[in-house]
Amino acid sequence: MVALSDPASSAAVLVGIHDYAVLENLPSVARNLVGLKKALTDPEVWGLPPEACTVIEQPGSAGLVLDTVREQARLAQDTLLVYYAGHGLTDAHTDELYLTLPDSDPEREYTSMRYEYLRRAVLDPLARAKRTIVILDCCYSGRALIGEMGASMQVADQAVVAGTYLLTASAETRPALSPPGEKYTAFTGELVAALTEGIVGGPDLLDMNTLYRYLHQCLVSKSRPLPQQRNRNTGRE
């Protein structure tokens, strides 16, 4: 079981984009959302009430995502978990992280959602959550890498939010998003497996630091991009 207290006072927002107008489609992302919600609402894993686990698939606008995150941040009193899976881009002029939407165009950065806006939604002055977990399964590079997902070493530093635990999919850009024959993306597949199957020799209550070390070990063994973590204050607990 995940060591996140009081699921009845917690919330999760799971965002995923699998079908794109310009960028390459990512069919495994749709399965990520289903698998992750099932794990988070499983009483044997976290036991989050289904109604407190909001899935936003193929959001039509950044506003829909941001409004939902802000609303849940204000409602959750214990833990808020925010997950995003899809293509990630950076601004060619500023290196700023952008999270793509269904109609995102790499040559028109304004068609994607600035990660800074997600930071602000999490940091809303009226937010009540004691801890926030942000999980990014997306690409971060100086250019659009169609069909690839990853992250430079700067992602976790740039994306970290005070008072949160941040987990990113990788520390390099590699075409390891959807391995042939596998149900989920490489990173989220290991995440779902760790949550649902547990960690052999691990603690009964799975904390985020233990989870990170396990994910890192699994991805190393498969020669896949390695995850990063950053923690501010109590986010890791």
C-alpha atoms as a PDB file:
ATOM      1  CA  MET A   1       0.000   0.000   0.000  1.00  0.00           C
ATOM      2  CA  VAL A   2       1.172   3.525  -0.768  1.00  0.00           C
ATOM      3  CA  ALA A   3       2.119   5.521   2.329  1.00  0.00           C
ATOM      4  CA  LEU A   4      -0.239   8.402   1.620  1.00  0.00           C
ATOM      5  CA  SER A   5      -2.509   9.021   4.574  1.00  0.00           C
ATOM      6  CA  ASP A   6      -6.263   9.598   4.533  1.00  0.00           C
ATOM      7  CA  PRO A   7      -7.327   8.881   0.940  1.00  0.00           C
ATOM      8  CA  ALA A   8     -10.808  10.136   1.848  1.00  0.00           C
ATOM      9  CA  SER A   9      -9.350  13.653   2.100  1.00  0.00           C
ATOM     10  CA  SER A  10      -7.175  13.378  -0.993  1.00  0.00           C
ATOM     11  CA  ALA A  11      -7.612  13.832  -4.737  1.00  0.00           C
ATOM     12  CA  ALA A  12      -5.937  13.001  -8.021  1.00  0.00           C
ATOM     13  CA  VAL A  13      -6.072  14.584 -11.463  1.00  0.00           C
ATOM     14  CA  LEU A  14      -4.854  12.363 -14.305  1.00  0.00           C
ATOM     15  CA  VAL A  15      -4.305  14.071 -17.656  1.00  0.00           C
ATOM     16  CA  GLY A  16      -3.417  12.281 -20.868  1.00  0.00           C
ATOM     17  CA  ILE A  17      -3.281  13.015 -24.578  1.00  0.00           C
ATOM     18  CA  HIS A  18      -3.016  10.095 -26.972  1.00  0.00           C
ATOM     19  CA  ASP A  19      -4.520  11.456 -30.200  1.00  0.00           C
ATOM     20  CA  TYR A  20      -2.857  14.458 -31.859  1.00  0.00           C
ATOM     21  CA  ALA A  21      -3.668  16.579 -34.890  1.00  0.00           C
ATOM     22  CA  VAL A  22      -0.014  17.345 -35.707  1.00  0.00           C
ATOM     23  CA  LEU A  23       2.244  15.305 -33.441  1.00  0.00           C
ATOM     24  CA  GLU A  24       2.510  11.531 -33.531  1.00  0.00           C
ATOM     25  CA  ASN A  25      -0.259   9.684 -31.705  1.00  0.00           C
ATOM     26  CA  LEU A  26       0.552   7.955 -28.411  1.00  0.00           C
ATOM     27  CA  PRO A  27      -1.991   5.117 -28.031  1.00  0.00           C
ATOM     28  CA  SER A  28      -0.420   3.740 -24.855  1.00  0.00           C
ATOM     29  CA  VAL A  29      -1.206   6.966 -22.987  1.00  0.00           C
ATOM     30  CA  ALA A  30      -4.920   6.130 -23.042  1.00  0.00           C
ATOM     31  CA  ARG A  31      -4.128   2.844 -21.316  1.00  0.00           C
ATOM     32  CA  ASN A  32      -1.912   4.684 -18.823  1.00  0.00           C
ATOM     33  CA  LEU A  33      -4.910   6.609 -17.544  1.00  0.00           C
ATOM     34  CA  VAL A  34      -7.053   3.499 -17.121  1.00  0.00           C
ATOM     35  CA  GLY A  35      -4.321   1.531 -15.380  1.00  0.00           C
ATOM     36  CA  LEU A  36      -3.253   4.326 -13.074  1.00  0.00           C
ATOM     37  CA  LYS A  37      -6.778   5.200 -11.970  1.00  0.00           C
ATOM     38  CA  LYS A  38      -7.489   1.538 -11.258  1.00  0.00           C
ATOM     39  CA  ALA A  39      -4.349   1.341  -9.126  1.00  0.00           C
ATOM     40  CA  LEU A  40      -4.966   4.552  -7.196  1.00  0.00           C
ATOM     41  CA  THR A  41      -8.577   3.671  -6.366  1.00  0.00           C
ATOM     42  CA  ASP A  42      -7.749   0.095  -5.356  1.00  0.00           C
ATOM     43  CA  PRO A  43      -8.270  -0.242  -1.571  1.00  0.00           C
ATOM     44  CA  GLU A  44      -5.171  -2.437  -1.460  1.00  0.00           C
ATOM     45  CA  VAL A  45      -3.009   0.306  -3.033  1.00  0.00           C
ATOM     46  CA  TRP A  46      -4.223   3.732  -1.911  1.00  0.00           C
ATOM     47  CA  GLY A  47      -7.998   3.486  -1.764  1.00  0.00           C
ATOM     48  CA  LEU A  48      -8.725   6.864  -3.289  1.00  0.00           C
ATOM     49  CA  PRO A  49     -12.497   7.293  -3.750  1.00  0.00           C
ATOM     50  CA  PRO A  50     -13.285   6.939  -7.495  1.00  0.00           C
ATOM     51  CA  GLU A  51     -15.091  10.271  -7.511  1.00  0.00           C
ATOM     52  CA  ALA A  52     -11.922  11.934  -6.179  1.00  0.00           C
ATOM     53  CA  CYS A  53      -9.833  10.625  -9.086  1.00  0.00           C
ATOM     54  CA  THR A  54     -10.542  12.901 -12.048  1.00  0.00           C
ATOM     55  CA  VAL A  55      -9.411  11.705 -15.478  1.00  0.00           C
ATOM     56  CA  ILE A  56      -9.014  14.312 -18.211  1.00  0.00           C
ATOM     57  CA  GLU A  57      -8.473  12.576 -21.511  1.00  0.00           C
ATOM     58  CA  GLN A  58      -7.955  14.646 -24.663  1.00  0.00           C
ATOM     59  CA  PRO A  59      -8.570  18.032 -22.964  1.00  0.00           C
ATOM     60  CA  GLY A  60      -9.895  20.617 -25.376  1.00  0.00           C
ATOM     61  CA  SER A  61      -8.120  23.473 -23.651  1.00  0.00           C
ATOM     62  CA  ALA A  62      -5.457  24.297 -21.098  1.00  0.00           C
ATOM     63  CA  GLY A  63      -8.155  26.046 -19.084  1.00  0.00           C
ATOM     64  CA  LEU A  64      -9.994  22.777 -18.488  1.00  0.00           C
ATOM     65  CA  VAL A  65      -6.869  21.177 -17.024  1.00  0.00           C
ATOM     66  CA  LEU A  66      -5.844  24.169 -14.944  1.00  0.00           C
ATOM     67  CA  ASP A  67      -9.313  24.845 -13.560  1.00  0.00           C
ATOM     68  CA  THR A  68      -9.655  21.208 -12.534  1.00  0.00           C
ATOM     69  CA  VAL A  69      -6.261  21.123 -10.822  1.00  0.00           C
ATOM     70  CA  ARG A  70      -6.986  24.366  -8.987  1.00  0.00           C
ATOM     71  CA  GLU A  71     -10.383  23.100  -7.872  1.00  0.00           C
ATOM     72  CA  GLN A  72      -8.998  19.804  -6.588  1.00  0.00           C
ATOM     73  CA  ALA A  73      -6.104  21.587  -4.862  1.00  0.00           C
ATOM     74  CA  ARG A  74      -8.686  23.588  -2.937  1.00  0.00           C
ATOM     75  CA  LEU A  75     -10.761  20.528  -2.047  1.00  0.00           C
ATOM     76  CA  ALA A  76      -8.027  18.064  -1.067  1.00  0.00           C
ATOM     77  CA  GLN A  77      -6.942  18.410   2.546  1.00  0.00           C
ATOM     78  CA  ASP A  78      -4.347  15.649   2.662  1.00  0.00           C
ATOM     79  CA  THR A  79      -2.709  14.756  -0.670  1.00  0.00           C
ATOM     80  CA  LEU A  80      -3.129  16.029  -4.222  1.00  0.00           C
ATOM     81  CA  LEU A  81      -1.658  13.929  -7.024  1.00  0.00           C
ATOM     82  CA  VAL A  82      -1.318  15.447 -10.508  1.00  0.00           C
ATOM     83  CA  TYR A  83      -0.240  13.226 -13.410  1.00  0.00           C
ATOM     84  CA  TYR A  84       0.387  14.194 -17.029  1.00  0.00           C
ATOM     85  CA  ALA A  85       1.241  11.939 -19.967  1.00  0.00           C
ATOM     86  CA  GLY A  86       1.729  13.111 -23.536  1.00  0.00           C
ATOM     87  CA  HIS A  87       4.268  14.897 -25.681  1.00  0.00           C
ATOM     88  CA  GLY A  88       6.322  17.595 -23.975  1.00  0.00           C
ATOM     89  CA  LEU A  89       8.008  20.504 -25.730  1.00  0.00           C
ATOM     90  CA  THR A  90      10.211  23.438 -24.799  1.00  0.00           C
ATOM     91  CA  ASP A  91      10.160  26.990 -26.052  1.00  0.00           C
ATOM     92  CA  ALA A  92      13.038  27.494 -28.477  1.00  0.00           C
ATOM     93  CA  HIS A  93      13.727  30.942 -27.012  1.00  0.00           C
ATOM     94  CA  THR A  94      13.332  30.371 -23.290  1.00  0.00           C
ATOM     95  CA  ASP A  95      13.668  26.577 -22.751  1.00  0.00           C
ATOM     96  CA  GLU A  96      10.383  26.795 -20.854  1.00  0.00           C
ATOM     97  CA  LEU A  97       8.498  23.526 -20.490  1.00  0.00           C
ATOM     98  CA  TYR A  98       5.202  23.115 -22.360  1.00  0.00           C
ATOM     99  CA  LEU A  99       2.739  20.242 -21.976  1.00  0.00           C
ATOM    100  CA  THR A 100       1.015  19.473 -25.242  1.00  0.00           C
ATOM    101  CA  LEU A 101      -2.700  19.344 -26.001  1.00  0.00           C
ATOM    102  CA  PRO A 102      -4.475  17.471 -28.828  1.00  0.00           C
ATOM    103  CA  ASP A 103      -4.009  20.304 -31.326  1.00  0.00           C
ATOM    104  CA  SER A 104      -0.516  21.347 -30.226  1.00  0.00           C
ATOM    105  CA  ASP A 105       1.904  22.355 -32.973  1.00  0.00           C
ATOM    106  CA  PRO A 106       5.657  22.465 -32.195  1.00  0.00           C
ATOM    107  CA  GLU A 107       5.978  25.587 -34.329  1.00  0.00           C
ATOM    108  CA  ARG A 108       3.190  27.359 -32.396  1.00  0.00           C
ATOM    109  CA  GLU A 109       4.070  27.111 -28.720  1.00  0.00           C
ATOM    110  CA  TYR A 110       0.900  28.934 -27.753  1.00  0.00           C
ATOM    111  CA  THR A 111      -1.096  25.835 -28.753  1.00  0.00           C
ATOM    112  CA  SER A 112       0.378  23.983 -25.765  1.00  0.00           C
ATOM    113  CA  MET A 113       0.017  24.530 -22.022  1.00  0.00           C
ATOM    114  CA  ARG A 114       2.818  26.279 -20.170  1.00  0.00           C
ATOM    115  CA  TYR A 115       3.976  24.175 -17.252  1.00  0.00           C
ATOM    116  CA  GLU A 116       4.293  27.421 -15.317  1.00  0.00           C
ATOM    117  CA  TYR A 117       0.514  27.710 -15.360  1.00  0.00           C
ATOM    118  CA  LEU A 118       0.209  24.234 -13.848  1.00  0.00           C
ATOM    119  CA  ARG A 119       2.675  25.286 -11.148  1.00  0.00           C
ATOM    120  CA  ARG A 120       0.471  28.241 -10.344  1.00  0.00           C
ATOM    121  CA  ALA A 121      -2.653  26.082 -10.185  1.00  0.00           C
ATOM    122  CA  VAL A 122      -0.952  23.774  -7.671  1.00  0.00           C
ATOM    123  CA  LEU A 123       0.295  26.787  -5.708  1.00  0.00           C
ATOM    124  CA  ASP A 124      -3.131  28.429  -5.618  1.00  0.00           C
ATOM    125  CA  PRO A 125      -3.402  30.574  -2.457  1.00  0.00           C
ATOM    126  CA  LEU A 126      -6.557  28.700  -1.467  1.00  0.00           C
ATOM    127  CA  ALA A 127      -5.019  25.241  -1.892  1.00  0.00           C
ATOM    128  CA  ARG A 128      -5.350  23.137   1.277  1.00  0.00           C
ATOM    129  CA  ALA A 129      -3.475  19.937   0.429  1.00  0.00           C
ATOM    130  CA  LYS A 130      -0.706  19.094   2.896  1.00  0.00           C
ATOM    131  CA  ARG A 131       1.374  17.494   0.161  1.00  0.00           C
ATOM    132  CA  THR A 132       1.316  17.469  -3.621  1.00  0.00           C
ATOM    133  CA  ILE A 133       2.772  14.837  -5.916  1.00  0.00           C
ATOM    134  CA  VAL A 134       3.412  15.826  -9.535  1.00  0.00           C
ATOM    135  CA  ILE A 135       4.244  13.066 -12.022  1.00  0.00           C
ATOM    136  CA  LEU A 136       5.298  13.945 -15.570  1.00  0.00           C
ATOM    137  CA  ASP A 137       5.561  11.255 -18.233  1.00  0.00           C
ATOM    138  CA  CYS A 138       6.523  13.510 -21.115  1.00  0.00           C
ATOM    139  CA  CYS A 139       9.271  14.787 -23.344  1.00  0.00           C
ATOM    140  CA  TYR A 140      11.487  17.783 -22.634  1.00  0.00           C
ATOM    141  CA  SER A 141      13.908  18.825 -25.313  1.00  0.00           C
ATOM    142  CA  GLY A 142      15.048  21.869 -27.276  1.00  0.00           C
ATOM    143  CA  ARG A 143      13.045  20.661 -30.243  1.00  0.00           C
ATOM    144  CA  ALA A 144       9.986  18.588 -30.940  1.00  0.00           C
ATOM    145  CA  LEU A 145      10.879  14.899 -31.008  1.00  0.00           C
ATOM    146  CA  ILE A 146       7.888  13.224 -32.594  1.00  0.00           C
ATOM    147  CA  GLY A 147       7.172   9.839 -31.095  1.00  0.00           C
ATOM    148  CA  GLU A 148       9.694  10.239 -28.305  1.00  0.00           C
ATOM    149  CA  MET A 149       9.383  11.118 -24.674  1.00  0.00           C
ATOM    150  CA  GLY A 150      12.099  11.998 -22.232  1.00  0.00           C
ATOM    151  CA  ALA A 151      13.495  14.753 -20.082  1.00  0.00           C
ATOM    152  CA  SER A 152      16.736  16.643 -19.764  1.00  0.00           C
ATOM    153  CA  MET A 153      18.474  16.973 -16.413  1.00  0.00           C
ATOM    154  CA  GLN A 154      16.879  20.423 -16.155  1.00  0.00           C
ATOM    155  CA  VAL A 155      13.291  19.187 -16.056  1.00  0.00           C
ATOM    156  CA  ALA A 156      13.070  18.366 -12.369  1.00  0.00           C
ATOM    157  CA  ASP A 157      14.849  21.571 -11.415  1.00  0.00           C
ATOM    158  CA  GLN A 158      12.608  23.711 -13.600  1.00  0.00           C
ATOM    159  CA  ALA A 159       9.346  21.954 -12.789  1.00  0.00           C
ATOM    160  CA  VAL A 160       9.665  21.540  -9.034  1.00  0.00           C
ATOM    161  CA  VAL A 161       6.991  23.229  -6.946  1.00  0.00           C
ATOM    162  CA  ALA A 162       7.616  24.211  -3.341  1.00  0.00           C
ATOM    163  CA  GLY A 163       5.978  21.747  -0.964  1.00  0.00           C
ATOM    164  CA  THR A 164       5.744  18.992  -3.539  1.00  0.00           C
ATOM    165  CA  TYR A 165       7.328  15.766  -4.636  1.00  0.00           C
ATOM    166  CA  LEU A 166       8.098  15.748  -8.354  1.00  0.00           C
ATOM    167  CA  LEU A 167       8.730  12.593 -10.372  1.00  0.00           C
ATOM    168  CA  THR A 168       9.694  12.832 -14.040  1.00  0.00           C
ATOM    169  CA  ALA A 169       9.923  10.031 -16.573  1.00  0.00           C
ATOM    170  CA  SER A 170      13.544  10.305 -17.648  1.00  0.00           C
ATOM    171  CA  ALA A 171      16.804  12.206 -17.667  1.00  0.00           C
ATOM    172  CA  GLU A 172      17.482  11.989 -21.379  1.00  0.00           C
ATOM    173  CA  THR A 173      15.580  12.060 -24.644  1.00  0.00           C
ATOM    174  CA  ARG A 174      15.115   8.586 -26.031  1.00  0.00           C
ATOM    175  CA  PRO A 175      12.425   6.913 -28.160  1.00  0.00           C
ATOM    176  CA  ALA A 176      11.168   4.775 -25.262  1.00  0.00           C
ATOM    177  CA  LEU A 177       7.615   5.996 -24.966  1.00  0.00           C
ATOM    178  CA  SER A 178       5.740   2.920 -26.113  1.00  0.00           C
ATOM    179  CA  PRO A 179       7.891  -0.206 -26.359  1.00  0.00           C
ATOM    180  CA  PRO A 180       6.517  -2.649 -28.961  1.00  0.00           C
ATOM    181  CA  GLY A 181       4.128  -5.162 -27.479  1.00  0.00           C
ATOM    182  CA  GLU A 182       3.811  -3.385 -24.136  1.00  0.00           C
ATOM    183  CA  LYS A 183       0.561  -2.078 -22.715  1.00  0.00           C
ATOM    184  CA  TYR A 184       1.773   1.162 -21.158  1.00  0.00           C
ATOM    185  CA  THR A 185       4.507   3.707 -21.727  1.00  0.00           C
ATOM    186  CA  ALA A 186       7.853   2.525 -20.381  1.00  0.00           C
ATOM    187  CA  PHE A 187       7.773   4.737 -17.295  1.00  0.00           C
ATOM    188  CA  THR A 188       4.095   4.464 -16.376  1.00  0.00           C
ATOM    189  CA  GLY A 189       4.157   0.731 -16.980  1.00  0.00           C
ATOM    190  CA  GLU A 190       6.743   0.308 -14.232  1.00  0.00           C
ATOM    191  CA  LEU A 191       4.843   2.742 -12.004  1.00  0.00           C
ATOM    192  CA  VAL A 192       1.558   0.845 -12.317  1.00  0.00           C
ATOM    193  CA  ALA A 193       3.315  -2.488 -11.781  1.00  0.00           C
ATOM    194  CA  ALA A 194       5.026  -1.227  -8.627  1.00  0.00           C
ATOM    195  CA  LEU A 195       1.750   0.054  -7.205  1.00  0.00           C
ATOM    196  CA  THR A 196      -0.344  -3.000  -8.014  1.00  0.00           C
ATOM    197  CA  GLU A 197       2.180  -5.793  -7.535  1.00  0.00           C
ATOM    198  CA  GLY A 198       4.233  -4.274  -4.746  1.00  0.00           C
ATOM    199  CA  ILE A 199       7.998  -4.322  -4.294  1.00  0.00           C
ATOM    200  CA  VAL A 200       9.660  -7.518  -3.154  1.00  0.00           C
ATOM    201  CA  GLY A 201      11.539  -6.796   0.059  1.00  0.00           C
ATOM    202  CA  GLY A 202      10.047  -3.311   0.252  1.00  0.00           C
ATOM    203  CA  PRO A 203       8.154  -1.791   3.187  1.00  0.00           C
ATOM    204  CA  ASP A 204       4.479  -2.547   3.785  1.00  0.00           C
ATOM    205  CA  LEU A 205       3.766   1.148   3.272  1.00  0.00           C
ATOM    206  CA  LEU A 206       5.350   2.303   0.031  1.00  0.00           C
ATOM    207  CA  ASP A 207       6.807   5.818   0.319  1.00  0.00           C
ATOM    208  CA  MET A 208       7.729   7.912  -2.706  1.00  0.00           C
ATOM    209  CA  ASN A 209      11.468   7.606  -2.176  1.00  0.00           C
ATOM    210  CA  THR A 210      11.272   3.809  -2.137  1.00  0.00           C
ATOM    211  CA  LEU A 211       9.059   3.915  -5.213  1.00  0.00           C
ATOM    212  CA  TYR A 212      11.558   6.108  -7.037  1.00  0.00           C
ATOM    213  CA  ARG A 213      14.490   3.830  -6.231  1.00  0.00           C
ATOM    214  CA  TYR A 214      12.534   0.829  -7.457  1.00  0.00           C
ATOM    215  CA  LEU A 215      11.507   2.530 -10.708  1.00  0.00           C
ATOM    216  CA  HIS A 216      15.100   3.600 -11.270  1.00  0.00           C
ATOM    217  CA  GLN A 217      16.336   0.030 -10.762  1.00  0.00           C
ATOM    218  CA  CYS A 218      13.717  -1.440 -13.111  1.00  0.00           C
ATOM    219  CA  LEU A 219      14.423   1.052 -15.874  1.00  0.00           C
ATOM    220  CA  VAL A 220      18.193   0.608 -15.516  1.00  0.00           C
ATOM    221  CA  SER A 221      17.790  -3.140 -15.949  1.00  0.00           C
ATOM    222  CA  LYS A 222      15.916  -2.562 -19.213  1.00  0.00           C
ATOM    223  CA  SER A 223      18.320   0.141 -20.500  1.00  0.00           C
ATOM    224  CA  ARG A 224      15.542   2.714 -20.615  1.00  0.00           C
ATOM    225  CA  PRO A 225      15.515   6.411 -19.741  1.00  0.00           C
ATOM    226  CA  LEU A 226      15.922   6.933 -16.016  1.00  0.00           C
ATOM    227  CA  PRO A 227      13.474   8.849 -13.842  1.00  0.00           C
ATOM    228  CA  GLN A 228      14.275  11.902 -11.768  1.00  0.00           C
ATOM    229  CA  GLN A 229      12.875  13.073  -8.489  1.00  0.00           C
ATOM    230  CA  ARG A 230      12.862  16.335  -6.604  1.00  0.00           C
ATOM    231  CA  ASN A 231      11.422  17.011  -3.189  1.00  0.00           C
ATOM    232  CA  ARG A 232      10.511  20.227  -1.427  1.00  0.00           C
ATOM    233  CA  ASN A 233       9.583  20.119   2.244  1.00  0.00           C
ATOM    234  CA  THR A 234       7.346  17.097   3.007  1.00  0.00           C
ATOM    235  CA  GLY A 235       6.472  16.029  -0.523  1.00  0.00           C
ATOM    236  CA  ARG A 236       8.452  12.797  -0.389  1.00  0.00           C
ATOM    237  CA  GLU A 237       6.685  11.294   2.583  1.00  0.00           C
END
